[in-house]
N, C-alpha and C. Protein backbone atom coordinates (compact mmCIF):
# COMPACT_ATOMS: atom_id res chain seq x y z
N MET A 1 -34.99 53.72 -39.06
CA MET A 1 -35.34 52.36 -39.74
C MET A 1 -35.56 50.90 -38.70
N LYS A 2 -36.77 50.10 -38.74
CA LYS A 2 -36.24 48.46 -37.94
C LYS A 2 -37.08 47.70 -38.68
N THR A 3 -36.71 46.72 -38.52
CA THR A 3 -37.56 45.32 -38.77
C THR A 3 -36.92 44.24 -37.78
N LYS A 4 -38.23 43.37 -38.52
CA LYS A 4 -38.32 42.53 -37.08
C LYS A 4 -36.79 41.27 -37.68
N VAL A 5 -36.69 40.13 -37.26
CA VAL A 5 -35.91 38.88 -37.51
C VAL A 5 -37.31 38.34 -37.53
N VAL A 6 -37.03 37.22 -38.60
CA VAL A 6 -38.29 36.32 -39.02
C VAL A 6 -37.72 35.45 -39.59
N LYS A 7 -38.55 34.06 -39.54
CA LYS A 7 -38.13 32.91 -39.17
C LYS A 7 -38.27 31.86 -40.70
N VAL A 8 -37.41 31.84 -41.30
CA VAL A 8 -37.16 31.51 -42.77
C VAL A 8 -37.04 29.80 -42.47
N GLY A 9 -38.40 28.61 -42.99
CA GLY A 9 -37.16 27.61 -43.22
C GLY A 9 -37.08 27.49 -40.99
N ASN A 10 -35.00 26.48 -41.38
CA ASN A 10 -35.16 26.31 -40.65
C ASN A 10 -33.74 27.91 -40.20
N SER A 11 -34.10 28.89 -41.15
CA SER A 11 -32.83 29.91 -39.86
C SER A 11 -33.67 30.85 -40.46
N LEU A 12 -33.13 31.91 -40.04
CA LEU A 12 -34.29 32.95 -39.39
C LEU A 12 -33.26 34.17 -40.52
N GLY A 13 -34.64 35.21 -41.13
CA GLY A 13 -34.02 35.57 -42.02
C GLY A 13 -34.16 37.20 -42.02
N ILE A 14 -34.21 38.53 -42.31
CA ILE A 14 -34.94 40.00 -42.30
C ILE A 14 -35.30 40.79 -43.31
N ARG A 15 -36.89 41.31 -43.63
CA ARG A 15 -37.17 41.77 -44.61
C ARG A 15 -36.65 43.06 -44.71
N LEU A 16 -36.77 43.24 -45.70
CA LEU A 16 -36.30 44.84 -46.57
C LEU A 16 -36.96 45.43 -46.89
N ALA A 17 -37.01 46.47 -46.11
CA ALA A 17 -38.50 47.44 -46.71
C ALA A 17 -38.51 48.01 -48.24
N ARG A 18 -39.65 48.07 -49.19
CA ARG A 18 -39.33 48.40 -50.67
C ARG A 18 -38.59 48.97 -50.89
N GLU A 19 -38.75 50.60 -50.19
CA GLU A 19 -37.49 51.47 -50.29
C GLU A 19 -36.11 50.93 -50.63
N ILE A 20 -35.63 50.48 -50.09
CA ILE A 20 -34.56 49.95 -49.85
C ILE A 20 -34.06 49.18 -50.32
N VAL A 21 -35.32 47.91 -51.16
CA VAL A 21 -34.83 47.71 -52.08
C VAL A 21 -34.92 47.61 -53.31
N ALA A 22 -35.76 48.38 -53.60
CA ALA A 22 -35.55 49.74 -55.28
C ALA A 22 -34.55 50.46 -54.49
N ARG A 23 -33.74 50.85 -53.87
CA ARG A 23 -32.95 52.20 -53.94
C ARG A 23 -31.33 51.07 -54.48
N MET A 24 -31.69 50.17 -53.81
CA MET A 24 -30.17 49.07 -54.19
C MET A 24 -29.68 47.80 -55.44
N ARG A 25 -31.20 48.25 -55.75
CA ARG A 25 -31.56 47.49 -57.33
C ARG A 25 -31.47 45.96 -56.58
N LEU A 26 -32.70 45.42 -55.73
CA LEU A 26 -32.33 43.97 -55.45
C LEU A 26 -33.51 43.56 -55.94
N SER A 27 -33.30 42.51 -56.05
CA SER A 27 -34.47 41.02 -56.20
C SER A 27 -33.73 40.15 -55.06
N GLU A 28 -34.95 39.12 -55.83
CA GLU A 28 -35.17 37.64 -55.52
C GLU A 28 -33.95 37.10 -56.18
N GLY A 29 -32.64 37.04 -55.23
CA GLY A 29 -31.81 36.07 -55.66
C GLY A 29 -30.38 36.86 -55.73
N SER A 30 -30.64 38.13 -55.72
CA SER A 30 -29.46 39.04 -54.79
C SER A 30 -28.60 38.36 -54.49
N LEU A 31 -26.81 39.32 -54.17
CA LEU A 31 -26.14 38.49 -53.18
C LEU A 31 -25.72 39.29 -52.85
N LEU A 32 -25.88 39.09 -51.44
CA LEU A 32 -25.34 40.02 -50.08
C LEU A 32 -24.05 40.63 -49.71
N SER A 33 -23.41 40.55 -48.84
CA SER A 33 -22.37 40.45 -48.28
C SER A 33 -22.25 41.13 -47.42
N ILE A 34 -22.26 40.65 -45.91
CA ILE A 34 -22.93 40.38 -44.46
C ILE A 34 -21.16 41.25 -43.92
N VAL A 35 -20.74 42.11 -43.25
CA VAL A 35 -19.67 42.34 -42.57
C VAL A 35 -20.42 42.95 -41.31
N GLU A 36 -19.87 42.60 -40.15
CA GLU A 36 -20.01 42.59 -38.79
C GLU A 36 -18.65 43.84 -38.37
N THR A 37 -19.65 45.00 -37.77
CA THR A 37 -18.51 46.37 -37.82
C THR A 37 -18.77 45.98 -35.66
N SER A 38 -18.00 47.20 -35.25
CA SER A 38 -18.03 47.37 -33.76
C SER A 38 -19.74 47.92 -33.49
N SER A 39 -20.67 48.01 -34.97
CA SER A 39 -21.68 48.63 -34.47
C SER A 39 -23.19 48.01 -34.62
N GLY A 40 -21.84 46.75 -35.42
CA GLY A 40 -23.92 45.85 -35.78
C GLY A 40 -23.47 44.89 -36.81
N ILE A 41 -23.88 45.40 -38.65
CA ILE A 41 -23.34 44.42 -38.95
C ILE A 41 -23.83 45.02 -40.17
N GLN A 42 -23.27 45.63 -41.88
CA GLN A 42 -23.07 46.07 -42.76
C GLN A 42 -24.05 45.28 -43.92
N LEU A 43 -24.57 45.37 -45.11
CA LEU A 43 -25.34 45.11 -45.83
C LEU A 43 -25.04 45.31 -46.95
N ARG A 44 -23.66 44.83 -48.07
CA ARG A 44 -23.77 45.57 -49.63
C ARG A 44 -24.06 44.77 -50.86
N LYS A 45 -24.61 45.07 -51.44
CA LYS A 45 -24.90 44.45 -53.14
C LYS A 45 -24.18 43.96 -52.95
N ILE A 46 -23.82 43.23 -53.94
CA ILE A 46 -22.77 42.02 -54.13
C ILE A 46 -22.82 41.87 -55.58
N GLU A 47 -21.84 42.90 -56.74
CA GLU A 47 -22.30 42.84 -58.26
C GLU A 47 -21.84 42.07 -59.20
N PRO A 48 -22.57 41.48 -60.04
CA PRO A 48 -22.85 40.38 -60.83
C PRO A 48 -21.41 39.94 -61.20
N ASP A 49 -20.31 40.77 -61.03
CA ASP A 49 -18.71 39.98 -61.54
C ASP A 49 -18.00 39.27 -60.72
N ASP A 50 -18.46 40.52 -59.29
CA ASP A 50 -17.68 40.62 -58.13
C ASP A 50 -18.80 39.02 -57.09
N ALA A 51 -19.85 38.58 -57.92
CA ALA A 51 -20.33 37.20 -57.70
C ALA A 51 -19.39 36.10 -58.51
N GLU A 52 -19.05 36.53 -59.85
CA GLU A 52 -18.54 35.18 -59.81
C GLU A 52 -17.13 34.88 -59.48
N ILE A 53 -16.63 36.21 -59.36
CA ILE A 53 -14.98 35.27 -58.39
C ILE A 53 -15.80 35.22 -57.13
N ILE A 54 -16.43 35.61 -56.22
CA ILE A 54 -16.60 34.46 -55.17
C ILE A 54 -17.08 33.56 -55.14
N THR A 55 -17.90 33.16 -55.50
CA THR A 55 -18.56 31.71 -56.14
C THR A 55 -17.38 30.84 -56.62
N PHE A 56 -16.36 31.49 -56.69
CA PHE A 56 -15.06 30.78 -57.55
C PHE A 56 -14.23 29.96 -56.30
N ALA A 57 -14.36 31.59 -55.24
CA ALA A 57 -13.60 31.85 -54.12
C ALA A 57 -13.66 30.55 -53.28
N ASP A 58 -15.45 30.49 -53.43
CA ASP A 58 -15.74 29.78 -51.95
C ASP A 58 -15.54 27.62 -52.83
N LYS A 59 -15.81 27.60 -53.85
CA LYS A 59 -15.09 26.90 -54.12
C LYS A 59 -13.92 25.77 -54.27
N VAL A 60 -12.81 27.23 -54.83
CA VAL A 60 -10.98 26.88 -54.14
C VAL A 60 -11.50 26.44 -52.61
N PHE A 61 -11.82 27.89 -51.73
CA PHE A 61 -11.53 27.67 -50.17
C PHE A 61 -12.22 26.24 -49.73
N SER A 62 -13.04 26.33 -50.63
CA SER A 62 -13.49 25.17 -49.71
C SER A 62 -13.73 23.24 -50.22
N SER A 63 -12.84 23.26 -51.81
CA SER A 63 -12.22 22.15 -51.21
C SER A 63 -10.81 21.86 -51.04
N ASN A 64 -10.54 23.00 -50.50
CA ASN A 64 -9.03 22.77 -50.11
C ASN A 64 -8.62 23.36 -49.09
N ASP A 65 -9.90 23.14 -48.01
CA ASP A 65 -10.27 23.74 -46.57
C ASP A 65 -8.51 22.89 -45.84
N GLU A 66 -8.19 21.82 -45.72
CA GLU A 66 -7.59 21.65 -45.20
C GLU A 66 -6.17 22.41 -45.88
N LEU A 67 -4.85 22.04 -46.64
CA LEU A 67 -4.53 23.15 -47.21
C LEU A 67 -4.26 24.28 -46.70
N PHE A 68 -5.21 25.27 -46.72
CA PHE A 68 -5.57 26.70 -46.18
C PHE A 68 -5.18 27.21 -44.14
N ARG A 69 -6.13 25.34 -43.84
CA ARG A 69 -5.81 25.22 -42.76
C ARG A 69 -4.24 24.95 -42.04
N LEU A 70 -3.54 24.34 -42.96
CA LEU A 70 -1.88 23.85 -42.66
C LEU A 70 -1.16 25.37 -42.51
N LEU A 71 -1.36 26.04 -43.91
CA LEU A 71 -0.98 27.37 -44.25
C LEU A 71 -1.40 28.65 -43.29
N SER A 72 -2.20 28.13 -42.96
CA SER A 72 -2.56 30.07 -41.76
C SER A 72 -1.72 29.89 -40.48
N LYS A 73 -1.11 28.53 -40.65
CA LYS A 73 -0.02 28.04 -39.18
C LYS A 73 1.02 29.32 -39.00
């Protein structure tokens, strides 16, 4: 299956085929995890429970950015 990269506002996006959207049970606002692999990218739907954890982790990491940078040394 092929898709084209399109401009969305000031960003770029891709369109997902209706069949993929239905099979993955996606809707507007669904969260996807994007992982870069040796052969390209992998998209994975983030389930609602996972989304809450990821949102919390994002807040923790962004509010403690300098601390995590120092700890990683």
